[in-house]
């Protein structure tokens, strides 16, 4: 078992943390959202496999966050889906009317969400001031009371109330949600 601890709110000392991570805490605090944090600086959560111990501490729905684009790189999507589902492009494409979906580049993710691969999350939408990214959420993500996500960096993980993340947070950052149904088997 891991030594990860779940702590309420932002770190007491933010020295050594990236500005984009601190901006996440500032936003959540400003909105009066309750959240919990676990730090894992020696185990950056790049893959779902690396997230298992972290998930056990969070006790929340931890998602795959996929940053996708159409063939022309004119439409961008952040897809949130349960970590245990397999992503099938065709299944999603038919629901959103966009064929030929693929992963967007790391540069595009950095530019629009201020996240690097492996650290994208719903919180990155606060950095998408031009609303270029559409949020797609598998219906199963909405069923849990809590949601696990990164504060735009994958050396910490947060536990948010699902209702607040998809309510007050999205409203504040002026993003809508498109609910999709992925079988992913």
C-alpha atoms as a PDB file:
ATOM      1  CA  UNK A   1       0.000   0.000   0.000  1.00  0.00           C
ATOM      2  CA  UNK A   2       1.122   3.541  -0.641  1.00  0.00           C
ATOM      3  CA  UNK A   3       2.063   6.310   1.747  1.00  0.00           C
ATOM      4  CA  UNK A   4      -0.246   8.797  -0.002  1.00  0.00           C
ATOM      5  CA  UNK A   5      -2.331  10.972   2.277  1.00  0.00           C
ATOM      6  CA  UNK A   6      -5.521  12.807   1.475  1.00  0.00           C
ATOM      7  CA  UNK A   7      -5.448  16.381   2.725  1.00  0.00           C
ATOM      8  CA  UNK A   8      -8.217  18.932   2.592  1.00  0.00           C
ATOM      9  CA  UNK A   9      -7.636  21.969   0.368  1.00  0.00           C
ATOM     10  CA  UNK A  10      -4.517  23.546  -1.041  1.00  0.00           C
ATOM     11  CA  UNK A  11      -1.003  22.892   0.237  1.00  0.00           C
ATOM     12  CA  UNK A  12      -0.002  25.034   3.224  1.00  0.00           C
ATOM     13  CA  UNK A  13       3.226  25.853   1.388  1.00  0.00           C
ATOM     14  CA  UNK A  14       3.031  26.262  -2.384  1.00  0.00           C
ATOM     15  CA  UNK A  15       6.744  26.921  -2.882  1.00  0.00           C
ATOM     16  CA  UNK A  16       8.215  24.726  -5.592  1.00  0.00           C
ATOM     17  CA  UNK A  17       4.826  24.209  -7.256  1.00  0.00           C
ATOM     18  CA  UNK A  18       4.074  25.352 -10.774  1.00  0.00           C
ATOM     19  CA  UNK A  19       2.033  28.495 -11.279  1.00  0.00           C
ATOM     20  CA  UNK A  20      -0.605  26.566 -13.269  1.00  0.00           C
ATOM     21  CA  UNK A  21      -1.172  24.252 -10.275  1.00  0.00           C
ATOM     22  CA  UNK A  22      -1.504  27.193  -7.881  1.00  0.00           C
ATOM     23  CA  UNK A  23      -4.020  28.820 -10.290  1.00  0.00           C
ATOM     24  CA  UNK A  24      -6.188  25.695  -9.930  1.00  0.00           C
ATOM     25  CA  UNK A  25      -6.216  26.023  -6.130  1.00  0.00           C
ATOM     26  CA  UNK A  26      -6.921  29.750  -6.423  1.00  0.00           C
ATOM     27  CA  UNK A  27      -9.914  29.063  -8.710  1.00  0.00           C
ATOM     28  CA  UNK A  28     -11.360  26.300  -6.523  1.00  0.00           C
ATOM     29  CA  UNK A  29     -10.949  28.456  -3.399  1.00  0.00           C
ATOM     30  CA  UNK A  30     -12.511  31.479  -5.101  1.00  0.00           C
ATOM     31  CA  UNK A  31     -15.541  29.362  -6.050  1.00  0.00           C
ATOM     32  CA  UNK A  32     -15.851  28.032  -2.509  1.00  0.00           C
ATOM     33  CA  UNK A  33     -15.512  24.450  -3.752  1.00  0.00           C
ATOM     34  CA  UNK A  34     -14.549  21.798  -1.223  1.00  0.00           C
ATOM     35  CA  UNK A  35     -11.676  19.608  -2.417  1.00  0.00           C
ATOM     36  CA  UNK A  36      -9.069  17.204  -1.183  1.00  0.00           C
ATOM     37  CA  UNK A  37      -5.526  16.658  -2.470  1.00  0.00           C
ATOM     38  CA  UNK A  38      -2.931  13.948  -2.494  1.00  0.00           C
ATOM     39  CA  UNK A  39       0.599  14.664  -3.653  1.00  0.00           C
ATOM     40  CA  UNK A  40       2.676  12.055  -5.435  1.00  0.00           C
ATOM     41  CA  UNK A  41       5.789  13.863  -6.715  1.00  0.00           C
ATOM     42  CA  UNK A  42       7.772  10.639  -7.058  1.00  0.00           C
ATOM     43  CA  UNK A  43       5.018   8.891  -8.984  1.00  0.00           C
ATOM     44  CA  UNK A  44       3.729  11.142 -11.726  1.00  0.00           C
ATOM     45  CA  UNK A  45       0.447   9.653 -12.864  1.00  0.00           C
ATOM     46  CA  UNK A  46       1.095   9.280 -16.591  1.00  0.00           C
ATOM     47  CA  UNK A  47      -0.944   6.116 -17.033  1.00  0.00           C
ATOM     48  CA  UNK A  48      -4.065   4.585 -15.553  1.00  0.00           C
ATOM     49  CA  UNK A  49      -1.877   1.815 -14.126  1.00  0.00           C
ATOM     50  CA  UNK A  50       0.204   4.342 -12.208  1.00  0.00           C
ATOM     51  CA  UNK A  51      -3.004   5.748 -10.763  1.00  0.00           C
ATOM     52  CA  UNK A  52      -4.156   2.654  -8.846  1.00  0.00           C
ATOM     53  CA  UNK A  53      -2.656   3.583  -5.452  1.00  0.00           C
ATOM     54  CA  UNK A  54      -3.691   7.184  -5.939  1.00  0.00           C
ATOM     55  CA  UNK A  55      -7.252   6.079  -6.775  1.00  0.00           C
ATOM     56  CA  UNK A  56      -7.443   4.074  -3.564  1.00  0.00           C
ATOM     57  CA  UNK A  57      -6.627   7.210  -1.556  1.00  0.00           C
ATOM     58  CA  UNK A  58      -9.011   9.480  -3.479  1.00  0.00           C
ATOM     59  CA  UNK A  59     -12.014   7.139  -3.376  1.00  0.00           C
ATOM     60  CA  UNK A  60     -13.435   8.970  -6.410  1.00  0.00           C
ATOM     61  CA  UNK A  61     -14.240   8.309 -10.054  1.00  0.00           C
ATOM     62  CA  UNK A  62     -10.865   8.704 -11.700  1.00  0.00           C
ATOM     63  CA  UNK A  63     -11.074   9.389 -15.399  1.00  0.00           C
ATOM     64  CA  UNK A  64      -9.085   9.012 -18.532  1.00  0.00           C
ATOM     65  CA  UNK A  65      -8.855  12.515 -19.955  1.00  0.00           C
ATOM     66  CA  UNK A  66      -8.214  12.354 -23.674  1.00  0.00           C
ATOM     67  CA  UNK A  67      -7.450  15.470 -25.698  1.00  0.00           C
ATOM     68  CA  UNK A  68      -8.782  14.853 -29.191  1.00  0.00           C
ATOM     69  CA  UNK A  69      -9.091  16.720 -32.466  1.00  0.00           C
ATOM     70  CA  UNK A  70     -10.632  16.290 -35.866  1.00  0.00           C
ATOM     71  CA  UNK A  71      -8.511  15.647 -38.946  1.00  0.00           C
ATOM     72  CA  UNK A  72      -8.252  19.357 -39.809  1.00  0.00           C
ATOM     73  CA  UNK A  73      -7.262  20.338 -36.259  1.00  0.00           C
ATOM     74  CA  UNK A  74     -10.120  22.846 -36.158  1.00  0.00           C
ATOM     75  CA  UNK A  75     -12.269  21.159 -33.494  1.00  0.00           C
ATOM     76  CA  UNK A  76     -10.862  20.073 -30.135  1.00  0.00           C
ATOM     77  CA  UNK A  77     -12.384  17.878 -27.459  1.00  0.00           C
ATOM     78  CA  UNK A  78     -11.555  16.913 -23.906  1.00  0.00           C
ATOM     79  CA  UNK A  79     -13.100  13.498 -23.342  1.00  0.00           C
ATOM     80  CA  UNK A  80     -13.585  12.330 -19.777  1.00  0.00           C
ATOM     81  CA  UNK A  81     -14.331   8.647 -19.425  1.00  0.00           C
ATOM     82  CA  UNK A  82     -13.975   6.008 -16.708  1.00  0.00           C
ATOM     83  CA  UNK A  83     -10.468   4.629 -16.508  1.00  0.00           C
ATOM     84  CA  UNK A  84     -11.648   1.059 -17.001  1.00  0.00           C
ATOM     85  CA  UNK A  85     -13.321   1.699 -20.353  1.00  0.00           C
ATOM     86  CA  UNK A  86     -11.520   1.238 -23.653  1.00  0.00           C
ATOM     87  CA  UNK A  87     -11.664   4.229 -26.005  1.00  0.00           C
ATOM     88  CA  UNK A  88     -13.043   3.487 -29.460  1.00  0.00           C
ATOM     89  CA  UNK A  89     -12.884   6.389 -31.894  1.00  0.00           C
ATOM     90  CA  UNK A  90     -15.767   5.161 -34.043  1.00  0.00           C
ATOM     91  CA  UNK A  91     -18.083   4.907 -31.049  1.00  0.00           C
ATOM     92  CA  UNK A  92     -17.493   8.555 -30.123  1.00  0.00           C
ATOM     93  CA  UNK A  93     -17.310   9.971 -33.647  1.00  0.00           C
ATOM     94  CA  UNK A  94     -20.844   8.897 -34.475  1.00  0.00           C
ATOM     95  CA  UNK A  95     -22.232  10.606 -31.353  1.00  0.00           C
ATOM     96  CA  UNK A  96     -20.608  13.979 -31.919  1.00  0.00           C
ATOM     97  CA  UNK A  97     -20.734  14.083 -35.723  1.00  0.00           C
ATOM     98  CA  UNK A  98     -16.986  14.365 -36.175  1.00  0.00           C
ATOM     99  CA  UNK A  99     -15.190  11.739 -38.171  1.00  0.00           C
ATOM    100  CA  UNK A 100     -11.506  10.948 -38.092  1.00  0.00           C
ATOM    101  CA  UNK A 101     -10.809  11.834 -34.496  1.00  0.00           C
ATOM    102  CA  UNK A 102      -7.256  11.492 -33.283  1.00  0.00           C
ATOM    103  CA  UNK A 103      -5.154  12.690 -30.389  1.00  0.00           C
ATOM    104  CA  UNK A 104      -4.279  16.363 -30.525  1.00  0.00           C
ATOM    105  CA  UNK A 105      -0.635  17.302 -30.193  1.00  0.00           C
ATOM    106  CA  UNK A 106       1.128  18.034 -26.928  1.00  0.00           C
ATOM    107  CA  UNK A 107       1.672  21.584 -28.203  1.00  0.00           C
ATOM    108  CA  UNK A 108      -2.047  22.080 -28.822  1.00  0.00           C
ATOM    109  CA  UNK A 109      -2.853  20.735 -25.356  1.00  0.00           C
ATOM    110  CA  UNK A 110      -0.317  23.056 -23.764  1.00  0.00           C
ATOM    111  CA  UNK A 111      -1.596  26.045 -25.753  1.00  0.00           C
ATOM    112  CA  UNK A 112      -5.292  25.516 -25.000  1.00  0.00           C
ATOM    113  CA  UNK A 113      -5.387  23.803 -21.588  1.00  0.00           C
ATOM    114  CA  UNK A 114      -1.954  24.665 -20.130  1.00  0.00           C
ATOM    115  CA  UNK A 115      -1.483  20.953 -19.459  1.00  0.00           C
ATOM    116  CA  UNK A 116       1.028  18.450 -20.744  1.00  0.00           C
ATOM    117  CA  UNK A 117       0.138  14.883 -21.783  1.00  0.00           C
ATOM    118  CA  UNK A 118      -0.742  12.835 -18.727  1.00  0.00           C
ATOM    119  CA  UNK A 119      -1.955  15.847 -16.759  1.00  0.00           C
ATOM    120  CA  UNK A 120      -5.024  17.020 -18.657  1.00  0.00           C
ATOM    121  CA  UNK A 121      -8.230  17.383 -16.673  1.00  0.00           C
ATOM    122  CA  UNK A 122     -11.449  19.328 -16.444  1.00  0.00           C
ATOM    123  CA  UNK A 123      -9.508  22.010 -14.550  1.00  0.00           C
ATOM    124  CA  UNK A 124      -7.521  22.785 -17.704  1.00  0.00           C
ATOM    125  CA  UNK A 125     -10.687  24.304 -19.178  1.00  0.00           C
ATOM    126  CA  UNK A 126     -10.110  27.364 -16.984  1.00  0.00           C
ATOM    127  CA  UNK A 127      -7.172  28.119 -19.310  1.00  0.00           C
ATOM    128  CA  UNK A 128      -9.278  27.816 -22.493  1.00  0.00           C
ATOM    129  CA  UNK A 129     -10.413  31.436 -22.581  1.00  0.00           C
ATOM    130  CA  UNK A 130     -11.441  31.225 -26.258  1.00  0.00           C
ATOM    131  CA  UNK A 131     -13.664  28.160 -25.699  1.00  0.00           C
ATOM    132  CA  UNK A 132     -11.917  26.160 -28.373  1.00  0.00           C
ATOM    133  CA  UNK A 133     -12.244  22.890 -26.450  1.00  0.00           C
ATOM    134  CA  UNK A 134     -15.558  21.036 -26.173  1.00  0.00           C
ATOM    135  CA  UNK A 135     -16.021  18.956 -23.040  1.00  0.00           C
ATOM    136  CA  UNK A 136     -17.307  15.433 -23.691  1.00  0.00           C
ATOM    137  CA  UNK A 137     -18.187  13.334 -20.644  1.00  0.00           C
ATOM    138  CA  UNK A 138     -19.171   9.695 -20.569  1.00  0.00           C
ATOM    139  CA  UNK A 139     -22.448   9.333 -18.680  1.00  0.00           C
ATOM    140  CA  UNK A 140     -20.861   6.958 -16.159  1.00  0.00           C
ATOM    141  CA  UNK A 141     -18.500   9.710 -14.933  1.00  0.00           C
ATOM    142  CA  UNK A 142     -21.517  11.703 -13.757  1.00  0.00           C
ATOM    143  CA  UNK A 143     -22.819   8.876 -11.554  1.00  0.00           C
ATOM    144  CA  UNK A 144     -20.200   9.127  -8.818  1.00  0.00           C
ATOM    145  CA  UNK A 145     -20.388  11.560  -5.915  1.00  0.00           C
ATOM    146  CA  UNK A 146     -16.722  12.471  -6.320  1.00  0.00           C
ATOM    147  CA  UNK A 147     -14.415  13.037  -9.267  1.00  0.00           C
ATOM    148  CA  UNK A 148     -10.637  12.623  -9.318  1.00  0.00           C
ATOM    149  CA  UNK A 149      -8.551  14.945 -11.479  1.00  0.00           C
ATOM    150  CA  UNK A 150      -5.179  16.650 -11.744  1.00  0.00           C
ATOM    151  CA  UNK A 151      -4.568  20.343 -10.996  1.00  0.00           C
ATOM    152  CA  UNK A 152      -3.011  20.711 -14.487  1.00  0.00           C
ATOM    153  CA  UNK A 153       0.036  18.747 -13.314  1.00  0.00           C
ATOM    154  CA  UNK A 154       0.223  15.013 -12.688  1.00  0.00           C
ATOM    155  CA  UNK A 155       2.264  15.037  -9.487  1.00  0.00           C
ATOM    156  CA  UNK A 156      -0.867  15.833  -7.460  1.00  0.00           C
ATOM    157  CA  UNK A 157      -4.432  14.585  -7.683  1.00  0.00           C
ATOM    158  CA  UNK A 158      -7.605  16.206  -6.443  1.00  0.00           C
ATOM    159  CA  UNK A 159     -10.943  14.902  -5.272  1.00  0.00           C
ATOM    160  CA  UNK A 160     -13.835  17.195  -6.227  1.00  0.00           C
ATOM    161  CA  UNK A 161     -17.575  16.881  -5.780  1.00  0.00           C
ATOM    162  CA  UNK A 162     -18.874  15.773  -9.189  1.00  0.00           C
ATOM    163  CA  UNK A 163     -21.877  18.083  -8.905  1.00  0.00           C
ATOM    164  CA  UNK A 164     -19.657  21.124  -8.270  1.00  0.00           C
ATOM    165  CA  UNK A 165     -17.124  20.268 -10.990  1.00  0.00           C
ATOM    166  CA  UNK A 166     -19.833  19.978 -13.641  1.00  0.00           C
ATOM    167  CA  UNK A 167     -21.904  22.785 -12.119  1.00  0.00           C
ATOM    168  CA  UNK A 168     -20.310  25.872 -10.609  1.00  0.00           C
ATOM    169  CA  UNK A 169     -16.854  25.229 -12.095  1.00  0.00           C
ATOM    170  CA  UNK A 170     -18.024  24.760 -15.706  1.00  0.00           C
ATOM    171  CA  UNK A 171     -20.398  27.706 -15.440  1.00  0.00           C
ATOM    172  CA  UNK A 172     -17.580  29.933 -14.178  1.00  0.00           C
ATOM    173  CA  UNK A 173     -15.170  28.909 -16.958  1.00  0.00           C
ATOM    174  CA  UNK A 174     -18.007  29.222 -19.513  1.00  0.00           C
ATOM    175  CA  UNK A 175     -17.882  25.682 -20.875  1.00  0.00           C
ATOM    176  CA  UNK A 176     -20.761  23.380 -21.658  1.00  0.00           C
ATOM    177  CA  UNK A 177     -20.857  19.636 -21.305  1.00  0.00           C
ATOM    178  CA  UNK A 178     -21.848  17.098 -23.925  1.00  0.00           C
ATOM    179  CA  UNK A 179     -22.766  13.775 -22.357  1.00  0.00           C
ATOM    180  CA  UNK A 180     -21.845  10.713 -24.419  1.00  0.00           C
ATOM    181  CA  UNK A 181     -22.425   7.009 -23.905  1.00  0.00           C
ATOM    182  CA  UNK A 182     -19.376   4.832 -24.417  1.00  0.00           C
ATOM    183  CA  UNK A 183     -19.580   1.062 -24.151  1.00  0.00           C
ATOM    184  CA  UNK A 184     -15.810   0.702 -24.357  1.00  0.00           C
ATOM    185  CA  UNK A 185     -15.550  -3.077 -24.335  1.00  0.00           C
END
